[in-house]
Amino acid sequence: MSKRIHAVVGTLLLLGAAACADLTVPNENEPNTGRVLASPADVEQLIINSYLSYHNATIGFTSGYDPGINAQMSAASFEHTPMAANFGMIERSALPRLPIGNTTADAFRGQYEATWYGSYRAIKAANDGLTAISGGLVINNAADTRRAEAFAKFVRGLAHGTLALVYDQAFIVDENTPDPTVRPLTAGDLAPYSEVMTAALRYLDEAIAVSQANTFTIPTTWINGVQLTNQDLVRLANSYKARYRAEVARTREERQAVNWQQVIADVDAGRQTDLMIEMDDVNWQHVIHVYHSFYGAWNQVNPMILGMADQSGRYQTWIGTPLGERTAFLMVTPDMRFPQGSTAAAQQANPGLYIRHKGNAGHVRPDRGTWRWSLYRDTRFQDFYDAGWAGPLPVLTRAEMQLLKAEGLLRTGDAAGAATIINQTRVGNGGLAPVTQGSNPDCVPKLPSGACGDLLEALKWEKRLETWATRMGSWFFDSRGWGDLVQGTAVHYPVPAKELLVLRAPLYTFGGVGQPGAAGPSTYNFGL
């Protein structure tokens, strides 16, 4: 068998383009749609596998032990701080910020490509399954067929939502997209992120409609360890809609303009418990935790944001110190999620609920910036690390959803309602005094200026601590909409150079102070 191979093709025929030089060679790795869709069981398995493709494109291993852009986004938003120069973490967190190296020669091009092609791999699998079903294929019975249809539409929505969050533009591809062998996609078919997100929400609504009209149960093998009834799938789709509506914003202005009443409605109609996937370190992996568990040069708690827990004044002194002279410092805070005590010894003896004092481990490569050094690391997921990266991990939490609702309430004038939600984790997990619109008794967070954070800052504090390392972009997407990214940070990724070359479109990039697609002045400045 011979296939026409484009640079863009590997597993995704729908992104094939005739506008590049073709080479006719045997290609046994390229899926044969006719063979894959030969039986109802094959179609069902294809749809089942679509979710794992989405999972790997976002929080799993994209190829071997490659984390895609997950680690880059974490470092860029100060969710963690690395000293190791792997996966573009140093480049994306460099100060001052650098442009993304969007060329086929860039050392980290694989990270930029992984989420792009992984998302389309999920979309293709879902679309091929939906095409077969719309053509009359029955999987066992009517209920199982509708189950597969709903799940495929759900995954298609998730994958398009991911593309809209990450890239400035992308292709919108469904079972109605023209056959690429007849009408190949071109650069003119790329849609801006706002339109891609609109499509993602529409696909999730389609999944909801099918689920509401039918009765079925999705077994634990489809999303590892998670059993979903048709109504559970409705609720989960609504939760993702809430997340996507808020996080697609690239600026403060776009975040403010979000339809917050709809976000609140989506949260209320959504999942009310954590979505916990059973990781096995074989097929189901959570890459950020694998590398975070290495500690030292791989993962330290970045003081740029979490230093705002400190009440000793050392954080403000650190912020006021020239960047090249900053180094690790001891934080003292009443937040029980942090280690307690006013000395290193006391803190080592009293780890916090989420964070512990680690000492000077990992204080290496000062040439990469001693401002990256920290005395702290996470402890929240220690049991998972000790179990060999196996066990249940949250990828969407009740806390995330409730704090999205709190932001909606705050932005629509209900500060008291927002405070009630904020205080659920602030008091329950942090052991802090409740906040109100005009009062922050424990002064957590204490901003770089030394001022106590207002209610919005308290909300952001809770959101960051409660969603830390749960999924790709857990801090990045919020930080860009809040205006908290360091000035010059690329607010989204360009279409990968590999794809642009296939399309014969000009290469372009984002990031760098004052350059296109870069964040403006940060809320906090960070003394930079």
Protein backbone atom coordinates (compact mmCIF):
# COMPACT_ATOMS: atom_id res chain seq x y z
CA MET A 1 0.00 0.00 0.00
CA SER A 2 1.24 3.48 -0.81
CA LYS A 3 0.15 6.77 0.67
CA ARG A 4 0.80 10.39 -0.14
CA ILE A 5 2.70 11.77 2.81
CA HIS A 6 2.74 15.40 3.80
CA ALA A 7 4.81 16.80 6.64
CA VAL A 8 1.61 17.47 8.50
CA VAL A 9 0.37 13.90 8.19
CA GLY A 10 1.29 11.23 10.65
CA THR A 11 -1.97 10.28 12.14
CA LEU A 12 -4.17 13.07 10.81
CA LEU A 13 -5.33 12.84 7.21
CA LEU A 14 -7.72 15.74 7.59
CA LEU A 15 -4.83 18.16 7.88
CA GLY A 16 -3.17 16.92 4.72
CA ALA A 17 -2.53 19.67 2.22
CA ALA A 18 -1.74 19.47 -1.46
CA ALA A 19 0.32 22.64 -1.23
CA CYS A 20 3.54 20.84 -0.30
CA ALA A 21 5.89 18.53 -2.10
CA ASP A 22 4.58 14.97 -1.97
CA LEU A 23 6.55 11.78 -1.72
CA THR A 24 4.90 8.48 -2.55
CA VAL A 25 6.33 5.83 -0.23
CA PRO A 26 4.96 2.93 1.80
CA ASN A 27 3.60 4.21 5.09
CA GLU A 28 2.31 1.51 7.37
CA ASN A 29 2.04 3.92 10.31
CA GLU A 30 -0.65 6.07 8.71
CA PRO A 31 -4.12 4.87 9.71
CA ASN A 32 -6.20 3.28 6.99
CA THR A 33 -9.66 4.64 7.68
CA GLY A 34 -11.37 1.86 5.79
CA ARG A 35 -9.55 -0.79 7.77
CA VAL A 36 -10.03 0.94 11.13
CA LEU A 37 -13.77 1.36 10.53
CA ALA A 38 -14.31 -2.19 9.34
CA SER A 39 -16.53 -3.25 12.23
CA PRO A 40 -18.72 -1.70 14.95
CA ALA A 41 -16.19 -2.82 17.57
CA ASP A 42 -13.42 -1.04 15.67
CA VAL A 43 -15.44 2.16 15.52
CA GLU A 44 -16.22 2.04 19.22
CA GLN A 45 -12.57 1.47 20.08
CA LEU A 46 -11.55 4.36 17.83
CA ILE A 47 -13.92 6.66 19.73
CA ILE A 48 -12.72 5.33 23.09
CA ASN A 49 -9.11 6.01 22.09
CA SER A 50 -9.95 9.57 21.07
CA TYR A 51 -10.10 10.62 24.72
CA LEU A 52 -6.66 9.18 25.46
CA SER A 53 -5.31 11.15 22.49
CA TYR A 54 -6.81 14.31 23.99
CA HIS A 55 -5.41 13.40 27.41
CA ASN A 56 -1.92 12.91 25.99
CA ALA A 57 -2.09 16.15 24.03
CA THR A 58 -2.71 18.07 27.24
CA ILE A 59 -1.38 16.40 30.38
CA GLY A 60 0.03 13.04 29.27
CA PHE A 61 3.25 12.21 27.46
CA THR A 62 2.98 13.39 23.89
CA SER A 63 5.86 11.23 22.66
CA GLY A 64 8.07 9.07 24.82
CA TYR A 65 8.72 11.20 27.89
CA ASP A 66 8.01 14.53 26.18
CA PRO A 67 5.54 16.71 28.11
CA GLY A 68 4.57 18.94 25.19
CA ILE A 69 3.97 22.56 26.20
CA ASN A 70 2.60 21.70 29.64
CA ALA A 71 5.92 22.28 31.43
CA GLN A 72 6.55 25.49 29.46
CA MET A 73 3.22 27.02 30.48
CA SER A 74 3.78 26.07 34.09
CA ALA A 75 7.19 27.75 34.15
CA ALA A 76 6.01 30.83 32.24
CA SER A 77 3.19 31.49 34.71
CA PHE A 78 5.42 30.85 37.78
CA GLU A 79 3.39 27.78 38.71
CA HIS A 80 6.75 26.15 39.33
CA THR A 81 10.37 27.14 38.82
CA PRO A 82 12.92 24.97 36.99
CA MET A 83 16.69 25.04 36.80
CA ALA A 84 16.82 22.21 34.25
CA ALA A 85 16.91 23.39 30.63
CA ASN A 86 14.52 20.78 29.30
CA PHE A 87 11.37 21.15 27.19
CA GLY A 88 11.78 24.91 26.79
CA MET A 89 11.08 25.63 30.46
CA ILE A 90 14.05 27.99 30.83
CA GLU A 91 13.34 29.77 27.54
CA ARG A 92 9.65 30.37 28.28
CA SER A 93 10.38 31.62 31.81
CA ALA A 94 13.43 33.73 30.90
CA LEU A 95 13.53 37.32 32.14
CA PRO A 96 13.15 39.45 30.14
CA ARG A 97 10.77 37.33 28.10
CA LEU A 98 11.84 35.88 24.75
CA PRO A 99 9.83 35.23 21.59
CA ILE A 100 8.77 31.65 20.88
CA GLY A 101 11.24 30.09 18.44
CA ASN A 102 8.67 29.00 15.88
CA THR A 103 10.94 27.42 13.28
CA THR A 104 11.53 23.83 12.24
CA ALA A 105 15.09 24.20 13.55
CA ASP A 106 14.05 25.24 17.06
CA ALA A 107 15.15 22.80 19.76
CA PHE A 108 11.67 22.82 21.29
CA ARG A 109 9.57 22.61 18.15
CA GLY A 110 8.35 19.20 19.30
CA GLN A 111 6.66 20.80 22.29
CA TYR A 112 4.85 23.36 20.12
CA GLU A 113 3.71 20.64 17.73
CA ALA A 114 2.64 18.07 20.30
CA THR A 115 -0.55 19.71 21.51
CA TRP A 116 -1.47 20.76 17.95
CA TYR A 117 -1.13 17.35 16.34
CA GLY A 118 -2.28 15.48 19.43
CA SER A 119 -5.50 17.48 19.51
CA TYR A 120 -6.16 16.81 15.84
CA ARG A 121 -5.42 13.13 16.38
CA ALA A 122 -8.26 13.11 18.92
CA ILE A 123 -10.50 15.09 16.57
CA LYS A 124 -9.85 12.76 13.64
CA ALA A 125 -10.68 9.67 15.67
CA ALA A 126 -13.89 11.25 16.96
CA ASN A 127 -14.90 12.48 13.51
CA ASP A 128 -14.22 9.16 11.81
CA GLY A 129 -16.39 7.44 14.39
CA LEU A 130 -19.17 9.98 13.97
CA THR A 131 -19.02 9.63 10.19
CA ALA A 132 -19.50 5.88 10.49
CA ILE A 133 -22.42 6.32 12.89
CA SER A 134 -24.10 8.93 10.72
CA GLY A 135 -23.75 6.47 7.84
CA GLY A 136 -25.94 3.99 9.68
CA LEU A 137 -23.43 1.90 11.62
CA VAL A 138 -24.85 0.40 14.83
CA ILE A 139 -22.58 -0.43 17.77
CA ASN A 140 -24.27 -3.40 19.50
CA ASN A 141 -27.59 -1.59 19.98
CA ALA A 142 -29.15 1.86 19.90
CA ALA A 143 -28.03 2.77 23.43
CA ASP A 144 -24.39 1.87 22.81
CA THR A 145 -24.44 3.73 19.51
CA ARG A 146 -25.75 6.90 21.13
CA ARG A 147 -23.20 6.51 23.93
CA ALA A 148 -20.37 6.41 21.40
CA GLU A 149 -21.86 9.36 19.52
CA ALA A 150 -22.14 11.50 22.66
CA PHE A 151 -18.62 10.62 23.78
CA ALA A 152 -17.12 11.41 20.37
CA LYS A 153 -18.84 14.80 20.29
CA PHE A 154 -17.60 15.43 23.84
CA VAL A 155 -13.99 14.67 22.92
CA ARG A 156 -14.24 16.76 19.77
CA GLY A 157 -15.36 19.67 21.92
CA LEU A 158 -12.51 19.19 24.38
CA ALA A 159 -9.89 19.03 21.63
CA HIS A 160 -11.16 22.14 19.84
CA GLY A 161 -11.35 23.92 23.19
CA THR A 162 -7.72 23.04 23.83
CA LEU A 163 -6.66 24.42 20.45
CA ALA A 164 -8.57 27.64 21.15
CA LEU A 165 -6.89 28.05 24.54
CA VAL A 166 -3.37 27.40 23.28
CA TYR A 167 -3.03 28.71 19.71
CA ASP A 168 -3.93 32.00 18.10
CA GLN A 169 -5.76 30.18 15.30
CA ALA A 170 -6.62 26.65 14.25
CA PHE A 171 -8.72 24.58 11.87
CA ILE A 172 -12.31 23.76 12.82
CA VAL A 173 -12.77 20.17 11.66
CA ASP A 174 -15.81 17.94 11.96
CA GLU A 175 -17.48 15.15 10.01
CA ASN A 176 -18.91 17.74 7.62
CA THR A 177 -15.51 19.12 6.64
CA PRO A 178 -14.85 18.39 2.94
CA ASP A 179 -12.74 15.34 2.12
CA PRO A 180 -9.13 16.62 2.09
CA THR A 181 -8.37 14.52 -0.99
CA VAL A 182 -10.99 16.58 -2.82
CA ARG A 183 -10.59 19.96 -1.17
CA PRO A 184 -7.45 20.21 1.01
CA LEU A 185 -7.41 22.63 3.90
CA THR A 186 -5.43 25.82 3.30
CA ALA A 187 -4.13 28.67 5.42
CA GLY A 188 -7.34 30.49 4.56
CA ASP A 189 -9.27 27.87 6.53
CA LEU A 190 -7.54 28.77 9.79
CA ALA A 191 -10.01 30.40 12.17
CA PRO A 192 -9.15 32.79 15.04
CA TYR A 193 -9.19 31.35 18.54
CA SER A 194 -12.52 32.97 19.35
CA GLU A 195 -14.24 31.13 16.49
CA VAL A 196 -12.52 27.86 17.38
CA MET A 197 -13.83 28.21 20.93
CA THR A 198 -17.33 28.92 19.65
CA ALA A 199 -17.12 25.65 17.71
CA ALA A 200 -15.83 23.81 20.79
CA LEU A 201 -18.78 25.00 22.86
CA ARG A 202 -21.15 23.98 20.06
CA TYR A 203 -19.68 20.48 19.97
CA LEU A 204 -20.03 20.18 23.75
CA ASP A 205 -23.65 21.27 23.43
CA GLU A 206 -24.15 18.54 20.83
CA ALA A 207 -22.73 16.00 23.28
CA ILE A 208 -25.09 17.31 25.95
CA ALA A 209 -28.10 17.03 23.63
CA VAL A 210 -27.36 13.41 22.72
CA SER A 211 -26.72 12.53 26.37
CA GLN A 212 -29.93 14.14 27.59
CA ALA A 213 -32.00 12.28 25.01
CA ASN A 214 -30.61 8.84 25.86
CA THR A 215 -29.72 6.60 28.77
CA PHE A 216 -26.32 4.93 28.98
CA THR A 217 -23.30 4.33 31.19
CA ILE A 218 -19.73 4.95 30.10
CA PRO A 219 -17.47 2.28 31.63
CA THR A 220 -14.33 3.03 33.63
CA THR A 221 -12.07 1.97 30.77
CA TRP A 222 -12.99 4.93 28.56
CA ILE A 223 -11.62 7.54 30.98
CA ASN A 224 -9.49 5.42 33.27
CA GLY A 225 -11.20 4.81 36.59
CA VAL A 226 -14.13 7.12 35.83
CA GLN A 227 -17.66 5.77 35.33
CA LEU A 228 -20.13 8.22 33.82
CA THR A 229 -23.86 7.98 33.29
CA ASN A 230 -25.41 9.99 30.50
CA GLN A 231 -26.31 12.69 33.04
CA ASP A 232 -22.76 12.63 34.43
CA LEU A 233 -21.49 13.35 30.92
CA VAL A 234 -23.90 16.27 30.67
CA ARG A 235 -22.55 17.70 33.91
CA LEU A 236 -18.93 17.18 32.89
CA ALA A 237 -19.47 18.88 29.54
CA ASN A 238 -21.02 21.86 31.32
CA SER A 239 -17.99 22.13 33.60
CA TYR A 240 -15.65 22.24 30.62
CA LYS A 241 -17.84 24.90 29.04
CA ALA A 242 -17.46 27.03 32.16
CA ARG A 243 -13.68 26.60 32.10
CA TYR A 244 -13.40 27.37 28.40
CA ARG A 245 -15.62 30.45 28.46
CA ALA A 246 -13.42 32.08 31.10
CA GLU A 247 -9.98 30.92 30.04
CA VAL A 248 -10.11 31.73 26.33
CA ALA A 249 -9.56 35.42 27.20
CA ARG A 250 -6.14 36.80 26.24
CA THR A 251 -6.36 40.13 28.10
CA ARG A 252 -7.96 41.72 31.15
CA GLU A 253 -10.52 43.30 28.87
CA GLU A 254 -11.48 39.99 27.28
CA ARG A 255 -11.73 38.36 30.70
CA GLN A 256 -14.00 41.12 31.95
CA ALA A 257 -16.17 40.75 28.83
CA VAL A 258 -16.76 37.02 29.43
CA ASN A 259 -20.43 36.10 29.79
CA TRP A 260 -20.11 35.51 33.51
CA GLN A 261 -23.80 34.81 34.03
CA GLN A 262 -23.44 31.91 31.61
CA VAL A 263 -20.28 30.73 33.39
CA ILE A 264 -22.22 30.68 36.66
CA ALA A 265 -25.03 28.73 35.00
CA ASP A 266 -22.55 26.25 33.52
CA VAL A 267 -20.93 25.70 36.91
CA ASP A 268 -24.29 25.15 38.57
CA ALA A 269 -25.25 22.65 35.85
CA GLY A 270 -21.82 21.03 35.97
CA ARG A 271 -19.98 18.36 37.89
CA GLN A 272 -20.03 18.93 41.64
CA THR A 273 -17.17 16.58 42.58
CA ASP A 274 -13.54 16.25 41.50
CA LEU A 275 -12.86 14.41 38.25
CA MET A 276 -10.18 11.92 39.30
CA ILE A 277 -8.44 9.87 36.62
CA GLU A 278 -6.61 6.71 37.63
CA MET A 279 -3.03 7.13 36.42
CA ASP A 280 -1.00 3.97 35.81
CA ASP A 281 2.28 5.34 34.38
CA VAL A 282 1.76 3.11 31.36
CA ASN A 283 -1.08 4.44 29.22
CA TRP A 284 -2.46 7.04 31.62
CA GLN A 285 0.17 9.48 32.81
CA HIS A 286 0.23 12.97 34.28
CA VAL A 287 3.47 14.36 32.97
CA ILE A 288 3.83 17.44 35.13
CA HIS A 289 3.75 15.29 38.25
CA VAL A 290 6.35 12.91 36.91
CA TYR A 291 8.82 15.75 36.49
CA HIS A 292 7.70 17.62 39.60
CA SER A 293 8.50 14.55 41.65
CA PHE A 294 12.17 14.93 40.70
CA TYR A 295 12.32 18.14 42.81
CA GLY A 296 15.66 19.90 42.83
CA ALA A 297 16.49 21.37 39.46
CA TRP A 298 13.20 20.19 37.98
CA ASN A 299 10.66 21.62 40.35
CA GLN A 300 10.72 24.22 43.08
CA VAL A 301 7.96 26.51 44.34
CA ASN A 302 8.43 29.78 42.50
CA PRO A 303 8.47 32.73 44.93
CA MET A 304 7.27 35.26 42.34
CA ILE A 305 3.62 34.43 43.08
CA LEU A 306 3.60 32.19 46.14
CA GLY A 307 5.96 34.54 47.94
CA MET A 308 2.85 36.63 48.56
CA ALA A 309 2.07 34.23 51.42
CA ASP A 310 4.96 35.74 53.38
CA GLN A 311 4.23 38.09 56.28
CA SER A 312 7.85 38.67 57.38
CA GLY A 313 8.59 41.35 54.80
CA ARG A 314 11.23 39.20 53.11
CA TYR A 315 9.15 38.88 49.95
CA GLN A 316 8.93 42.64 49.51
CA THR A 317 12.68 42.90 50.16
CA TRP A 318 13.27 40.17 47.57
CA ILE A 319 11.09 41.98 45.02
CA GLY A 320 13.03 45.19 45.68
CA THR A 321 16.38 43.47 45.07
CA PRO A 322 17.87 43.57 41.54
CA LEU A 323 16.87 40.41 39.71
CA GLY A 324 20.42 39.11 39.36
CA GLU A 325 20.97 39.35 43.12
CA ARG A 326 17.80 37.60 44.28
CA THR A 327 18.11 34.23 45.96
CA ALA A 328 16.03 31.86 48.09
CA PHE A 329 14.39 33.24 51.22
CA LEU A 330 12.37 31.95 54.17
CA MET A 331 8.63 32.67 54.04
CA VAL A 332 6.56 32.99 57.19
CA THR A 333 2.80 32.73 56.74
CA PRO A 334 -0.37 31.83 58.60
CA ASP A 335 -1.59 29.90 55.54
CA MET A 336 -1.60 26.28 56.71
CA ARG A 337 -1.01 25.03 53.20
CA PHE A 338 2.58 26.25 53.72
CA PRO A 339 5.07 24.98 56.32
CA GLN A 340 4.67 26.61 59.70
CA GLY A 341 7.29 28.27 61.87
CA SER A 342 9.72 31.16 61.71
CA THR A 343 12.90 29.11 61.22
CA ALA A 344 14.01 26.55 58.67
CA ALA A 345 14.14 23.85 61.34
CA ALA A 346 10.61 24.60 62.51
CA GLN A 347 9.29 24.56 58.97
CA GLN A 348 11.01 21.29 58.13
CA ALA A 349 9.33 19.78 61.19
CA ASN A 350 5.93 21.24 60.29
CA PRO A 351 5.20 20.80 56.57
CA GLY A 352 2.14 22.46 55.15
CA LEU A 353 -0.87 20.80 53.63
CA TYR A 354 0.43 21.45 50.10
CA ILE A 355 4.01 22.75 50.43
CA ARG A 356 7.07 21.77 52.44
CA HIS A 357 10.50 23.24 53.22
CA LYS A 358 13.07 21.34 51.14
CA GLY A 359 16.29 23.11 52.07
CA ASN A 360 18.83 24.09 49.44
CA ALA A 361 18.36 21.09 47.14
CA GLY A 362 18.41 22.05 43.49
CA HIS A 363 20.21 25.35 43.94
CA VAL A 364 22.31 24.79 40.85
CA ARG A 365 23.14 26.65 37.64
CA PRO A 366 23.24 30.20 39.01
CA ASP A 367 23.84 31.33 35.43
CA ARG A 368 20.17 30.55 34.77
CA GLY A 369 19.10 32.93 37.50
CA THR A 370 19.35 32.58 41.27
CA TRP A 371 15.94 34.26 41.38
CA ARG A 372 14.62 30.83 40.45
CA TRP A 373 15.94 29.29 43.66
CA SER A 374 13.47 28.39 46.36
CA LEU A 375 13.47 26.67 49.75
CA TYR A 376 10.14 24.98 49.00
CA ARG A 377 8.54 22.20 47.00
CA ASP A 378 5.09 20.68 46.80
CA THR A 379 3.93 17.90 49.10
CA ARG A 380 0.26 17.71 48.12
CA PHE A 381 0.83 14.85 45.69
CA GLN A 382 3.59 13.04 47.57
CA ASP A 383 1.57 9.83 47.89
CA PHE A 384 1.26 9.71 44.10
CA TYR A 385 5.00 10.19 43.67
CA ASP A 386 5.77 7.51 46.24
CA ALA A 387 3.45 5.08 44.44
CA GLY A 388 5.50 5.30 41.26
CA TRP A 389 3.27 7.87 39.54
CA ALA A 390 0.23 5.63 39.84
CA GLY A 391 -3.12 6.33 41.44
CA PRO A 392 -5.98 8.82 41.13
CA LEU A 393 -5.23 12.46 40.30
CA PRO A 394 -7.61 15.39 39.83
CA VAL A 395 -7.87 16.95 36.37
CA LEU A 396 -10.95 19.07 37.07
CA THR A 397 -11.93 19.94 40.63
CA ARG A 398 -14.94 21.22 42.49
CA ALA A 399 -12.73 23.98 43.90
CA GLU A 400 -11.85 25.16 40.38
CA MET A 401 -15.49 25.26 39.37
CA GLN A 402 -16.66 26.99 42.53
CA LEU A 403 -13.94 29.63 42.26
CA LEU A 404 -14.95 30.23 38.64
CA LYS A 405 -18.43 30.83 39.96
CA ALA A 406 -17.02 33.14 42.63
CA GLU A 407 -15.26 35.18 39.95
CA GLY A 408 -18.53 35.38 38.04
CA LEU A 409 -20.37 36.56 41.14
CA LEU A 410 -17.70 39.15 41.90
CA ARG A 411 -17.70 40.49 38.34
CA THR A 412 -21.49 40.72 38.31
CA GLY A 413 -21.76 42.60 41.59
CA ASP A 414 -22.28 39.90 44.23
CA ALA A 415 -19.15 40.35 46.34
CA ALA A 416 -20.73 38.72 49.39
CA GLY A 417 -21.61 35.60 47.41
CA ALA A 418 -18.09 35.48 46.00
CA ALA A 419 -16.56 35.80 49.47
CA THR A 420 -18.65 32.91 50.76
CA ILE A 421 -17.19 30.63 48.10
CA ILE A 422 -13.63 31.96 48.47
CA ASN A 423 -13.72 31.28 52.20
CA GLN A 424 -14.60 27.62 51.70
CA THR A 425 -11.00 26.73 50.81
CA ARG A 426 -9.37 29.75 52.41
CA VAL A 427 -10.67 28.79 55.84
CA GLY A 428 -11.10 25.06 55.32
CA ASN A 429 -7.69 24.32 53.76
CA GLY A 430 -5.65 27.42 54.56
CA GLY A 431 -6.81 27.97 58.12
CA LEU A 432 -7.02 31.68 57.35
CA ALA A 433 -9.54 34.17 58.64
CA PRO A 434 -12.47 34.81 56.26
CA VAL A 435 -12.21 37.67 53.79
CA THR A 436 -14.89 40.14 52.78
CA GLN A 437 -14.99 42.81 50.12
CA GLY A 438 -13.26 45.29 52.42
CA SER A 439 -11.31 43.09 54.81
CA ASN A 440 -8.36 40.68 54.55
CA PRO A 441 -7.42 40.10 58.22
CA ASP A 442 -4.43 37.79 57.58
CA CYS A 443 -3.13 39.87 54.65
CA VAL A 444 -2.72 36.82 52.43
CA PRO A 445 -1.81 37.46 49.71
CA LYS A 446 0.50 40.33 50.60
CA LEU A 447 1.27 41.99 47.29
CA PRO A 448 4.73 43.09 46.08
CA SER A 449 3.80 46.63 47.14
CA GLY A 450 3.17 45.43 50.70
CA ALA A 451 -0.57 46.03 50.43
CA CYS A 452 -3.02 43.34 51.46
CA GLY A 453 -4.77 41.77 48.51
CA ASP A 454 -8.39 42.72 47.89
CA LEU A 455 -11.21 40.24 47.32
CA LEU A 456 -10.20 39.56 43.71
CA GLU A 457 -6.62 38.91 44.81
CA ALA A 458 -7.89 36.57 47.53
CA LEU A 459 -9.90 34.72 44.88
CA LYS A 460 -6.86 34.44 42.62
CA TRP A 461 -4.81 33.16 45.55
CA GLU A 462 -7.29 30.40 46.28
CA LYS A 463 -7.65 29.47 42.62
CA ARG A 464 -3.91 29.10 42.19
CA LEU A 465 -3.35 27.05 45.31
CA GLU A 466 -6.33 24.78 44.74
CA THR A 467 -5.66 24.09 41.04
CA TRP A 468 -1.86 23.88 41.16
CA ALA A 469 -0.56 21.22 38.75
CA THR A 470 -3.96 19.69 38.08
CA ARG A 471 -3.79 20.09 34.29
CA MET A 472 -2.15 21.93 31.41
CA GLY A 473 -2.19 25.71 31.81
CA SER A 474 -3.85 25.64 35.22
CA TRP A 475 -2.13 28.93 36.11
CA PHE A 476 -1.23 30.19 32.64
CA PHE A 477 -4.71 30.61 31.19
CA ASP A 478 -6.04 32.40 34.28
CA SER A 479 -2.95 34.59 34.62
CA ARG A 480 -3.15 35.92 31.06
CA GLY A 481 -6.82 36.87 31.48
CA TRP A 482 -6.13 38.46 34.86
CA GLY A 483 -3.22 40.42 33.37
CA ASP A 484 -0.73 38.75 35.71
CA LEU A 485 1.76 37.28 33.21
CA VAL A 486 5.15 38.96 33.10
CA GLN A 487 5.31 41.64 30.43
CA GLY A 488 6.42 40.16 27.13
CA THR A 489 5.13 36.63 27.80
CA ALA A 490 3.56 35.14 24.67
CA VAL A 491 -0.17 34.98 25.43
CA HIS A 492 -0.65 32.11 22.98
CA TYR A 493 1.33 29.93 20.62
CA PRO A 494 1.50 30.36 16.85
CA VAL A 495 0.50 27.61 14.46
CA PRO A 496 3.61 25.37 14.49
CA ALA A 497 6.18 26.07 11.80
CA LYS A 498 5.89 22.52 10.50
CA GLU A 499 2.22 23.10 9.72
CA LEU A 500 2.82 26.55 8.23
CA LEU A 501 5.38 25.12 5.83
CA VAL A 502 2.88 22.52 4.68
CA LEU A 503 0.37 25.31 4.09
CA ARG A 504 3.02 27.45 2.37
CA ALA A 505 2.17 30.21 4.80
CA PRO A 506 4.68 32.67 6.30
CA LEU A 507 6.29 31.73 9.58
CA TYR A 508 5.39 33.98 12.50
CA THR A 509 5.74 34.00 16.26
CA PHE A 510 4.70 35.72 19.48
CA GLY A 511 6.34 37.01 22.63
CA GLY A 512 9.04 39.42 23.70
CA VAL A 513 8.50 42.80 25.33
CA GLY A 514 6.58 45.10 23.00
CA GLN A 515 6.20 42.43 20.34
CA PRO A 516 2.99 41.02 18.81
CA GLY A 517 1.06 38.53 20.90
CA ALA A 518 2.87 39.51 24.08
CA ALA A 519 1.44 40.34 27.49
CA GLY A 520 1.42 43.97 28.52
CA PRO A 521 2.56 45.30 31.91
CA SER A 522 1.79 42.81 34.68
CA THR A 523 -0.56 43.43 37.58
CA TYR A 524 2.35 42.84 39.94
CA ASN A 525 5.37 44.10 37.97
CA PHE A 526 7.52 41.82 40.19
CA GLY A 527 10.13 44.56 40.48
CA LEU A 528 11.24 43.99 36.90
